Amino acid sequence: MYDAIVVGAGVNGAAAAWLLTRAGLRVAVVEANALPGGLAGGRVSRLSEGGRYAYALGLVPGEVWRLLGVDEGSLYTPDPSWVELGPDGEPVLRWWSSPARLRRELAEAGLEGVWRLLADAAGFVRCLAEAGMYYTPCPPSRGEAAEGLPRGCPALAGEPTRRILARYAPRRAWSLLIYPSMLDSDGFALAYYLQNMNIWSQPPGGSMMWLSRLLRRLLRGAALVHGRVEEVLAEHGRAVGVALRDGRRIRGRAVLYAASVPALPRLVGSLDAFPEHDLRLLEGLARRRTRVERVDYYLSRAPAPPREAGWRGWPIYVYWRRGGGGEYTYPGLIGGPGGSGLYLVQASGSPRGVAPPGADPDRVVAVEERGPESQDRCCSNPTGHPDHVPMVDPFLYDDRPLPGWGGYATPLPGLYHGSASSYPGGEVNMVAGLNAATRLLLDLGHPEPWRLLGPLSRLARRGVERCRAARWSR
């Protein structure tokens, strides 16, 4: 009998398990893959181990890295971190990791307003944290985020992203800052993705196996159980454990689901505790699959993406629109079949057969297309979206992943959610897992879980106090 069962050993599941074990709870983590990491670090291809869906770590706040004992200086941040190519394949915009150089580059490109937007996005997220609305077991409403911040904080909530962008940047720059599908969403989504100044770092060498090793360290205090969850078990109207596909049953006082929430109906469909309306919404999200074309190119020799004098390393991203191209990423050397080395370039929005910039077509060993099916097989994410639930209205703030689910609790008592589907948002961030674990600890009677959060203690305490002041009940 465990105190808590965490479903999924991705970045949020590992962060949640780490906090729960730090509180002295007996924790089991159930993971379907041989390696922890989910979309960021599991085996998701016949050709490679390590994450292919998450290739950068730029959305993890610095205070979270410090909490987990990671020296940010040990991460690899090329300079520039990404580059936009013109029709002739030459760089036209370099996104420098050095703030001074980036500001100068944007000014020379006539994009001075973009620099102000980056500064405001980082300031907005920091203001949310200081106001107890980021590291918190009760996410804010959009009204709180728009009106409840201290005087002087940037106003990036409560209006559509396209209206905010129009104040800062010419239309030609919008696609460099946000995806078109998010233009009509609340400005929180824009701020969330730009909080890192749009500068991306990678683990050393570009291999997400580094992240798998980190997650294994975070999971050290928990029992890691390999198997795929088939059903959430409930008794007397409360979650009491999970059943695995191989017939094993694991029981606990609470279950924290750290995988894609749209997959939940498969596990709870027979439980009366879930309103039919919620199940229909989740099933609709699962059917609303992301069909962005993604292609992986495996090369026998390192590619040579654009590079100029004075650059440090290769850019992680290359934007190239020639020939219908799009976004290319360069995670670097990976382990291939039989231990041989291959180099991986990922492409989004580019047609199969168009070699990535700097890649010799004669050195392409294999090409793999991937989409919702491959994500579902590896990580129980039927949507194909890296955020599980897209970062668009109405699935933001305390309406993420669904209205009424914003406090990391589901309609079934004892069953919690904390993943990319949850507030504050998706991809490699870890805050949702820490927030969900904080909520679970409060519900289990821990008096002051924020004391376990080191450099986050002050902000997390403020988040809990804000909840209590609003008469939030657990």
Protein backbone atom coordinates (compact mmCIF):
# COMPACT_ATOMS: atom_id res chain seq x y z
CA MET A 1 0.00 0.00 0.00
CA TYR A 2 1.53 3.29 -1.15
CA ASP A 3 0.73 6.81 -0.02
CA ALA A 4 0.72 8.01 -3.64
CA ILE A 5 0.89 6.45 -7.09
CA VAL A 6 2.26 8.62 -9.90
CA VAL A 7 1.28 7.53 -13.41
CA GLY A 8 3.99 8.51 -15.87
CA ALA A 9 7.70 9.19 -15.36
CA GLY A 10 7.93 12.19 -17.66
CA VAL A 11 9.30 15.52 -16.49
CA ASN A 12 6.19 16.38 -14.48
CA GLY A 13 5.72 12.90 -13.02
CA ALA A 14 9.35 12.77 -11.92
CA ALA A 15 9.16 16.25 -10.38
CA ALA A 16 5.96 15.32 -8.53
CA ALA A 17 7.41 12.01 -7.28
CA TRP A 18 10.55 13.80 -6.09
CA LEU A 19 8.52 16.25 -3.99
CA LEU A 20 6.23 13.54 -2.59
CA THR A 21 9.15 11.34 -1.53
CA ARG A 22 10.89 14.38 -0.07
CA ALA A 23 7.82 14.78 2.14
CA GLY A 24 8.36 11.24 3.44
CA LEU A 25 5.57 9.58 1.46
CA ARG A 26 5.84 6.05 0.12
CA VAL A 27 5.52 6.57 -3.63
CA ALA A 28 5.20 4.25 -6.64
CA VAL A 29 5.78 5.59 -10.15
CA VAL A 30 4.26 3.58 -13.00
CA GLU A 31 5.98 4.02 -16.36
CA ALA A 32 5.19 2.14 -19.57
CA ASN A 33 8.62 2.68 -21.15
CA ALA A 34 12.00 1.26 -20.20
CA LEU A 35 13.40 4.75 -19.68
CA PRO A 36 11.88 7.68 -17.80
CA GLY A 37 11.17 10.89 -19.66
CA GLY A 38 7.93 10.35 -21.56
CA LEU A 39 7.97 12.45 -24.71
CA ALA A 40 11.28 13.92 -23.56
CA GLY A 41 13.38 10.84 -22.88
CA GLY A 42 11.87 7.42 -23.59
CA ARG A 43 12.54 5.03 -26.45
CA VAL A 44 10.18 6.28 -29.13
CA SER A 45 11.80 5.00 -32.31
CA ARG A 46 13.31 1.84 -33.74
CA LEU A 47 16.43 3.89 -34.50
CA SER A 48 17.07 5.86 -31.35
CA GLU A 49 16.74 6.03 -27.62
CA GLY A 50 16.13 9.41 -26.04
CA GLY A 51 13.55 12.07 -26.61
CA ARG A 52 12.67 13.29 -30.03
CA TYR A 53 9.63 15.34 -29.13
CA ALA A 54 11.37 17.58 -26.60
CA TYR A 55 14.70 18.86 -27.85
CA ALA A 56 15.17 21.99 -25.72
CA LEU A 57 14.92 22.92 -22.07
CA GLY A 58 14.23 26.63 -22.31
CA LEU A 59 10.88 26.60 -20.49
CA VAL A 60 12.19 25.22 -17.18
CA PRO A 61 12.44 28.24 -14.84
CA GLY A 62 15.88 28.85 -13.36
CA GLU A 63 14.59 28.47 -9.80
CA VAL A 64 13.31 24.97 -10.69
CA TRP A 65 16.73 23.95 -12.03
CA ARG A 66 18.28 25.20 -8.79
CA LEU A 67 15.69 23.32 -6.73
CA LEU A 68 16.63 20.10 -8.53
CA GLY A 69 20.34 20.68 -8.13
CA VAL A 70 21.08 21.42 -11.79
CA ASP A 71 23.71 24.02 -12.62
CA GLU A 72 22.21 26.04 -15.48
CA GLY A 73 25.75 26.75 -16.64
CA SER A 74 26.13 23.04 -17.42
CA LEU A 75 23.48 23.26 -20.14
CA TYR A 76 24.46 23.92 -23.72
CA THR A 77 23.19 27.21 -25.10
CA PRO A 78 24.50 28.04 -28.58
CA ASP A 79 24.85 31.67 -29.58
CA PRO A 80 22.68 32.31 -31.58
CA SER A 81 20.20 29.76 -30.27
CA TRP A 82 18.23 29.89 -33.51
CA VAL A 83 18.39 31.56 -36.88
CA GLU A 84 15.99 32.48 -39.67
CA LEU A 85 17.20 31.88 -43.22
CA GLY A 86 16.22 33.87 -46.29
CA PRO A 87 15.22 32.38 -49.68
CA ASP A 88 18.90 32.02 -50.61
CA GLY A 89 19.69 30.07 -47.47
CA GLU A 90 21.63 32.91 -45.84
CA PRO A 91 20.86 34.06 -42.27
CA VAL A 92 18.58 37.09 -42.09
CA LEU A 93 17.86 37.09 -38.33
CA ARG A 94 20.03 35.64 -35.59
CA TRP A 95 18.46 35.08 -32.19
CA TRP A 96 21.45 35.70 -29.96
CA SER A 97 21.68 34.18 -26.50
CA SER A 98 23.51 37.32 -25.40
CA PRO A 99 20.76 39.83 -24.49
CA ALA A 100 22.82 42.82 -25.63
CA ARG A 101 23.53 41.26 -29.03
CA LEU A 102 19.90 40.15 -29.42
CA ARG A 103 18.62 43.63 -28.66
CA ARG A 104 21.01 45.10 -31.22
CA GLU A 105 20.05 42.48 -33.84
CA LEU A 106 16.34 43.16 -33.38
CA ALA A 107 16.90 46.91 -33.62
CA GLU A 108 18.86 46.49 -36.86
CA ALA A 109 15.98 44.40 -38.25
CA GLY A 110 13.44 47.09 -37.34
CA LEU A 111 12.00 44.91 -34.55
CA GLU A 112 12.69 47.04 -31.48
CA GLY A 113 9.17 46.31 -30.21
CA VAL A 114 9.95 42.57 -30.10
CA TRP A 115 12.63 43.25 -27.50
CA ARG A 116 10.10 45.10 -25.35
CA LEU A 117 7.66 42.20 -25.75
CA LEU A 118 10.29 39.68 -24.61
CA ALA A 119 11.07 41.76 -21.53
CA ASP A 120 7.35 42.16 -20.76
CA ALA A 121 6.68 38.43 -21.17
CA ALA A 122 9.42 37.54 -18.69
CA GLY A 123 8.16 40.26 -16.35
CA PHE A 124 4.56 39.08 -16.59
CA VAL A 125 5.41 35.50 -15.59
CA ARG A 126 7.60 36.79 -12.76
CA CYS A 127 4.71 38.98 -11.55
CA LEU A 128 2.40 35.94 -11.61
CA ALA A 129 4.90 34.05 -9.45
CA GLU A 130 5.31 36.93 -6.99
CA ALA A 131 1.52 37.22 -6.70
CA GLY A 132 1.15 33.51 -5.86
CA MET A 133 -0.38 32.65 -9.23
CA TYR A 134 2.33 30.46 -10.80
CA TYR A 135 3.68 28.11 -8.12
CA THR A 136 0.30 27.38 -6.64
CA PRO A 137 -2.16 24.53 -6.03
CA CYS A 138 -5.05 26.70 -7.24
CA PRO A 139 -4.38 28.29 -10.66
CA PRO A 140 -5.72 31.81 -11.19
CA SER A 141 -8.73 32.69 -13.28
CA ARG A 142 -8.11 34.85 -16.33
CA GLY A 143 -9.69 37.73 -14.44
CA GLU A 144 -7.19 37.38 -11.60
CA ALA A 145 -4.27 37.27 -14.04
CA ALA A 146 -5.56 40.31 -15.90
CA GLU A 147 -6.51 42.46 -12.92
CA GLY A 148 -4.85 41.03 -9.81
CA LEU A 149 -1.19 41.75 -10.49
CA PRO A 150 0.65 44.57 -8.70
CA ARG A 151 0.84 47.98 -10.28
CA GLY A 152 3.57 48.22 -12.90
CA CYS A 153 3.34 44.61 -14.07
CA PRO A 154 3.05 44.09 -17.85
CA ALA A 155 -0.54 43.68 -19.04
CA LEU A 156 -0.37 40.50 -21.12
CA ALA A 157 -3.54 38.77 -19.96
CA GLY A 158 -7.19 39.26 -20.70
CA GLU A 159 -6.94 40.07 -24.41
CA PRO A 160 -6.14 38.10 -27.57
CA THR A 161 -2.54 37.42 -28.51
CA ARG A 162 -2.97 39.03 -31.94
CA ARG A 163 -3.99 42.33 -30.34
CA ILE A 164 -0.96 42.22 -28.04
CA LEU A 165 1.38 41.40 -30.92
CA ALA A 166 -0.01 44.30 -32.95
CA ARG A 167 1.22 46.67 -30.22
CA TYR A 168 4.76 45.35 -30.29
CA ALA A 169 5.70 43.85 -33.63
CA PRO A 170 5.04 44.07 -37.38
CA ARG A 171 3.04 41.20 -38.79
CA ARG A 172 6.08 39.71 -40.53
CA ALA A 173 7.55 38.89 -37.12
CA TRP A 174 4.52 37.17 -35.62
CA SER A 175 5.37 33.70 -36.95
CA LEU A 176 8.74 33.92 -35.19
CA LEU A 177 7.00 34.39 -31.84
CA ILE A 178 3.90 32.21 -31.83
CA TYR A 179 2.06 29.63 -33.93
CA PRO A 180 -0.88 30.95 -36.00
CA SER A 181 -3.31 28.64 -34.18
CA MET A 182 -2.66 30.60 -30.97
CA LEU A 183 -3.26 34.13 -32.27
CA ASP A 184 -6.80 34.34 -30.88
CA SER A 185 -5.87 32.88 -27.48
CA ASP A 186 -5.42 34.85 -24.29
CA GLY A 187 -2.04 36.58 -24.08
CA PHE A 188 -0.99 34.25 -21.25
CA ALA A 189 -0.03 31.63 -23.84
CA LEU A 190 2.23 34.13 -25.61
CA ALA A 191 3.91 35.12 -22.34
CA TYR A 192 4.34 31.48 -21.32
CA TYR A 193 6.35 30.63 -24.44
CA LEU A 194 8.37 33.85 -24.42
CA GLN A 195 9.24 33.85 -20.71
CA ASN A 196 12.72 32.54 -21.60
CA MET A 197 13.35 35.42 -24.04
CA ASN A 198 12.88 32.79 -26.78
CA ILE A 199 16.38 31.50 -26.01
CA TRP A 200 16.71 27.72 -25.95
CA SER A 201 19.23 25.49 -24.23
CA GLN A 202 19.94 21.78 -24.54
CA PRO A 203 21.63 19.17 -22.40
CA PRO A 204 25.36 18.86 -23.16
CA GLY A 205 25.87 17.21 -26.53
CA GLY A 206 22.24 17.66 -27.49
CA SER A 207 21.18 14.27 -26.14
CA MET A 208 17.99 14.00 -24.14
CA MET A 209 19.52 10.97 -22.43
CA TRP A 210 20.90 13.60 -20.05
CA LEU A 211 17.33 14.38 -19.04
CA SER A 212 16.60 10.68 -18.55
CA ARG A 213 19.53 10.47 -16.15
CA LEU A 214 18.27 13.51 -14.25
CA LEU A 215 14.79 12.02 -13.98
CA ARG A 216 16.19 8.72 -12.75
CA ARG A 217 17.89 10.67 -9.96
CA LEU A 218 14.61 12.41 -9.08
CA LEU A 219 12.86 9.03 -8.99
CA ARG A 220 15.45 7.43 -6.73
CA GLY A 221 13.27 7.64 -3.61
CA ALA A 222 10.24 6.06 -5.31
CA ALA A 223 9.44 2.53 -6.43
CA LEU A 224 9.62 2.54 -10.24
CA VAL A 225 7.13 0.05 -11.67
CA HIS A 226 7.31 -0.76 -15.38
CA GLY A 227 3.93 -1.42 -16.98
CA ARG A 228 1.06 0.27 -18.79
CA VAL A 229 -1.90 1.42 -16.72
CA GLU A 230 -5.15 -0.11 -17.93
CA GLU A 231 -7.59 1.27 -15.34
CA VAL A 232 -7.89 3.62 -12.39
CA LEU A 233 -9.34 1.67 -9.47
CA ALA A 234 -12.01 3.23 -7.28
CA GLU A 235 -13.82 2.12 -4.14
CA HIS A 236 -16.54 3.99 -2.26
CA GLY A 237 -16.29 6.89 -4.70
CA ARG A 238 -12.53 7.40 -4.30
CA ALA A 239 -9.41 6.46 -6.31
CA VAL A 240 -7.53 3.67 -4.55
CA GLY A 241 -4.98 2.56 -7.12
CA VAL A 242 -4.35 1.41 -10.68
CA ALA A 243 -4.61 -1.84 -12.61
CA LEU A 244 -1.87 -2.66 -15.12
CA ARG A 245 -2.28 -4.37 -18.47
CA ASP A 246 -0.44 -7.46 -17.19
CA GLY A 247 -2.97 -7.92 -14.37
CA ARG A 248 -1.02 -6.38 -11.51
CA ARG A 249 -2.86 -4.04 -9.16
CA ILE A 250 -1.14 -1.28 -7.20
CA ARG A 251 -3.00 0.35 -4.38
CA GLY A 252 -2.49 3.75 -2.79
CA ARG A 253 -4.15 6.57 -0.87
CA ALA A 254 -4.06 8.82 -3.94
CA VAL A 255 -3.22 8.67 -7.66
CA LEU A 256 -1.47 11.49 -9.50
CA TYR A 257 -1.93 11.14 -13.25
CA ALA A 258 1.08 12.73 -14.99
CA ALA A 259 0.30 11.72 -18.58
CA SER A 260 -1.95 13.25 -21.24
CA VAL A 261 -5.34 14.05 -19.69
CA PRO A 262 -7.25 13.41 -22.97
CA ALA A 263 -6.29 9.73 -22.52
CA LEU A 264 -8.08 9.53 -19.14
CA PRO A 265 -11.46 8.31 -20.52
CA ARG A 266 -9.76 5.00 -21.40
CA LEU A 267 -8.89 4.53 -17.75
CA VAL A 268 -12.01 5.85 -16.01
CA GLY A 269 -14.75 5.38 -18.60
CA SER A 270 -16.58 2.88 -16.42
CA LEU A 271 -16.50 5.07 -13.31
CA ASP A 272 -19.68 6.94 -12.46
CA ALA A 273 -17.69 9.66 -10.68
CA PHE A 274 -16.85 11.37 -13.97
CA PRO A 275 -19.63 13.55 -15.42
CA GLU A 276 -20.63 12.52 -18.91
CA HIS A 277 -20.04 16.09 -20.06
CA ASP A 278 -16.39 15.96 -18.96
CA LEU A 279 -15.83 12.60 -20.61
CA ARG A 280 -17.25 13.92 -23.87
CA LEU A 281 -14.96 16.97 -23.73
CA LEU A 282 -11.90 14.80 -23.12
CA GLU A 283 -12.81 12.38 -25.88
CA GLY A 284 -13.30 15.36 -28.19
CA LEU A 285 -9.83 16.64 -27.33
CA ALA A 286 -8.35 13.20 -28.03
CA ARG A 287 -9.97 13.21 -31.47
CA ARG A 288 -8.76 16.75 -32.19
CA ARG A 289 -5.40 15.49 -33.30
CA THR A 290 -2.53 17.71 -34.31
CA ARG A 291 -1.60 16.98 -37.90
CA VAL A 292 1.52 19.09 -38.23
CA GLU A 293 3.85 17.08 -40.40
CA ARG A 294 6.96 16.03 -38.48
CA VAL A 295 9.81 14.20 -40.14
CA ASP A 296 13.00 12.81 -38.59
CA TYR A 297 16.15 12.61 -40.70
CA TYR A 298 18.84 10.19 -39.49
CA LEU A 299 22.27 11.04 -40.91
CA SER A 300 25.50 9.05 -40.93
CA ARG A 301 27.55 12.25 -40.72
CA ALA A 302 27.01 15.42 -38.73
CA PRO A 303 25.04 18.07 -40.59
CA ALA A 304 26.51 21.51 -41.07
CA PRO A 305 23.68 23.97 -40.38
CA PRO A 306 24.31 27.65 -41.09
CA ARG A 307 27.22 29.11 -39.20
CA GLU A 308 29.03 32.43 -39.39
CA ALA A 309 32.17 33.83 -37.83
CA GLY A 310 31.59 34.64 -34.18
CA TRP A 311 28.87 32.02 -33.63
CA ARG A 312 29.23 29.63 -30.70
CA GLY A 313 28.11 26.17 -31.80
CA TRP A 314 25.21 25.34 -34.08
CA PRO A 315 21.78 26.91 -33.66
CA ILE A 316 19.20 24.55 -32.15
CA TYR A 317 16.50 25.88 -34.50
CA VAL A 318 16.70 26.87 -38.12
CA TYR A 319 13.67 28.47 -39.76
CA TRP A 320 13.76 28.07 -43.51
CA ARG A 321 10.74 28.58 -45.73
CA ARG A 322 12.38 27.65 -49.02
CA GLY A 323 10.65 24.80 -50.83
CA GLY A 324 7.78 24.74 -48.36
CA GLY A 325 10.18 24.19 -45.48
CA GLY A 326 9.63 25.16 -41.90
CA GLU A 327 11.30 24.59 -38.57
CA TYR A 328 14.37 22.35 -38.32
CA THR A 329 16.00 21.31 -35.06
CA TYR A 330 19.43 19.84 -34.49
CA PRO A 331 19.50 17.68 -31.34
CA GLY A 332 22.83 16.15 -32.38
CA LEU A 333 24.41 12.71 -31.98
CA ILE A 334 22.19 9.86 -30.84
CA GLY A 335 22.69 6.17 -30.21
CA GLY A 336 21.78 4.15 -33.27
CA PRO A 337 21.22 0.42 -33.87
CA GLY A 338 23.93 -1.72 -32.34
CA GLY A 339 25.46 1.30 -30.66
CA SER A 340 26.45 3.03 -33.90
CA GLY A 341 26.30 6.80 -34.00
CA LEU A 342 23.69 8.66 -36.00
CA TYR A 343 22.87 12.34 -36.23
CA LEU A 344 19.29 13.48 -36.01
CA VAL A 345 17.62 16.49 -37.59
CA GLN A 346 13.92 17.02 -36.92
CA ALA A 347 11.66 18.88 -39.31
CA SER A 348 8.23 20.39 -38.71
CA GLY A 349 6.06 21.68 -41.51
CA SER A 350 8.44 20.50 -44.20
CA PRO A 351 7.59 17.96 -46.89
CA ARG A 352 9.30 14.62 -46.78
CA GLY A 353 12.23 14.47 -49.16
CA VAL A 354 13.43 18.06 -48.63
CA ALA A 355 16.84 17.68 -47.00
CA PRO A 356 17.35 19.96 -43.97
CA PRO A 357 19.78 22.86 -44.24
CA GLY A 358 23.33 21.59 -43.91
CA ALA A 359 22.42 17.93 -44.39
CA ASP A 360 24.07 16.00 -47.21
CA PRO A 361 21.26 14.06 -48.97
CA ASP A 362 23.71 11.21 -49.62
CA ARG A 363 24.19 10.78 -45.87
CA VAL A 364 20.50 10.28 -45.03
CA VAL A 365 20.31 6.78 -43.53
CA ALA A 366 16.59 6.77 -42.75
CA VAL A 367 13.57 9.03 -42.68
CA GLU A 368 10.70 8.57 -40.23
CA GLU A 369 7.42 10.40 -40.11
CA ARG A 370 5.71 10.73 -36.77
CA GLY A 371 2.45 12.02 -35.43
CA PRO A 372 -0.29 11.25 -32.92
CA GLU A 373 0.00 7.49 -33.37
CA SER A 374 3.67 7.34 -32.38
CA GLN A 375 3.09 9.62 -29.39
CA ASP A 376 0.17 7.49 -28.26
CA ARG A 377 2.19 4.27 -28.54
CA CYS A 378 5.09 5.61 -26.53
CA CYS A 379 3.45 7.96 -24.06
CA SER A 380 -0.36 7.67 -24.03
CA ASN A 381 -0.77 11.03 -25.75
CA PRO A 382 -3.50 10.57 -28.37
CA THR A 383 -3.55 14.20 -29.51
CA GLY A 384 -0.10 14.42 -31.10
CA HIS A 385 0.30 17.82 -29.47
CA PRO A 386 3.40 18.44 -27.29
CA ASP A 387 1.17 20.31 -24.81
CA HIS A 388 -1.38 17.45 -24.78
CA VAL A 389 -4.17 20.01 -24.56
CA PRO A 390 -3.30 22.95 -26.86
CA MET A 391 -2.47 26.24 -25.14
CA VAL A 392 -5.53 27.96 -26.58
CA ASP A 393 -8.83 29.22 -25.19
CA PRO A 394 -10.74 27.92 -23.36
CA PHE A 395 -8.05 25.59 -21.98
CA LEU A 396 -5.97 28.14 -20.05
CA TYR A 397 -5.65 29.30 -16.45
CA ASP A 398 -8.01 27.49 -14.07
CA ASP A 399 -9.88 26.05 -17.05
CA ARG A 400 -6.89 23.86 -17.90
CA PRO A 401 -7.36 21.08 -18.89
CA LEU A 402 -11.14 21.49 -18.45
CA PRO A 403 -13.44 23.91 -16.64
CA GLY A 404 -13.62 22.85 -13.00
CA TRP A 405 -10.32 20.94 -13.08
CA GLY A 406 -8.01 23.87 -12.40
CA GLY A 407 -6.97 22.86 -8.88
CA TYR A 408 -5.17 19.69 -10.09
CA ALA A 409 -8.06 17.58 -8.80
CA THR A 410 -10.42 15.55 -10.99
CA PRO A 411 -14.09 14.81 -10.29
CA LEU A 412 -12.97 11.54 -8.68
CA PRO A 413 -11.66 12.22 -5.15
CA GLY A 414 -8.12 10.98 -4.72
CA LEU A 415 -7.29 11.27 -8.44
CA TYR A 416 -5.13 14.26 -9.43
CA HIS A 417 -3.62 15.46 -12.69
CA GLY A 418 -0.26 17.14 -13.17
CA SER A 419 1.25 17.09 -16.66
CA ALA A 420 1.62 19.20 -19.79
CA SER A 421 -2.20 19.11 -19.84
CA SER A 422 -2.27 21.06 -16.58
CA TYR A 423 -1.63 24.67 -15.59
CA PRO A 424 0.59 26.55 -16.31
CA GLY A 425 1.19 24.76 -19.59
CA GLY A 426 3.03 22.26 -21.68
CA GLU A 427 6.35 20.99 -22.88
CA VAL A 428 9.42 20.72 -20.61
CA ASN A 429 8.48 22.97 -17.69
CA MET A 430 7.99 20.80 -14.53
CA VAL A 431 5.88 23.41 -12.69
CA ALA A 432 2.61 21.50 -13.16
CA GLY A 433 4.06 18.39 -11.52
CA LEU A 434 5.34 20.36 -8.52
CA ASN A 435 2.01 22.19 -8.16
CA ALA A 436 -0.02 18.98 -8.37
CA ALA A 437 2.18 17.30 -5.75
CA THR A 438 1.74 20.34 -3.48
CA ARG A 439 -2.04 20.02 -3.80
CA LEU A 440 -1.89 16.30 -3.02
CA LEU A 441 0.29 16.90 0.06
CA LEU A 442 -2.13 19.50 1.37
CA ASP A 443 -5.03 17.10 0.91
CA LEU A 444 -3.12 14.38 2.77
CA GLY A 445 -2.65 16.76 5.69
CA HIS A 446 0.91 18.02 5.22
CA PRO A 447 0.92 21.37 7.07
CA GLU A 448 3.58 23.29 5.10
CA PRO A 449 4.65 21.57 1.84
CA TRP A 450 6.27 24.77 0.58
CA ARG A 451 9.10 24.26 3.05
CA LEU A 452 10.27 21.35 0.87
CA LEU A 453 10.75 23.58 -2.17
CA GLY A 454 14.01 25.35 -1.33
CA PRO A 455 14.44 28.34 -3.70
CA LEU A 456 10.71 28.15 -4.50
CA SER A 457 9.57 28.16 -0.87
CA ARG A 458 8.65 31.84 -0.68
CA LEU A 459 6.72 31.82 -3.95
CA ALA A 460 5.01 28.49 -3.21
CA ARG A 461 3.97 29.64 0.25
CA ARG A 462 2.47 32.76 -1.29
CA GLY A 463 0.60 30.51 -3.74
CA VAL A 464 -0.93 28.45 -0.92
CA GLU A 465 -1.79 31.53 1.15
CA ARG A 466 -3.54 33.06 -1.84
CA CYS A 467 -5.63 29.90 -2.16
CA ARG A 468 -6.58 29.96 1.49
CA ALA A 469 -7.42 33.65 1.41
CA ALA A 470 -9.85 32.88 -1.41
CA ARG A 471 -11.47 30.23 0.84
CA TRP A 472 -10.19 27.51 -1.44
CA SER A 473 -11.27 24.21 0.06
CA ARG A 474 -9.46 20.91 -0.32
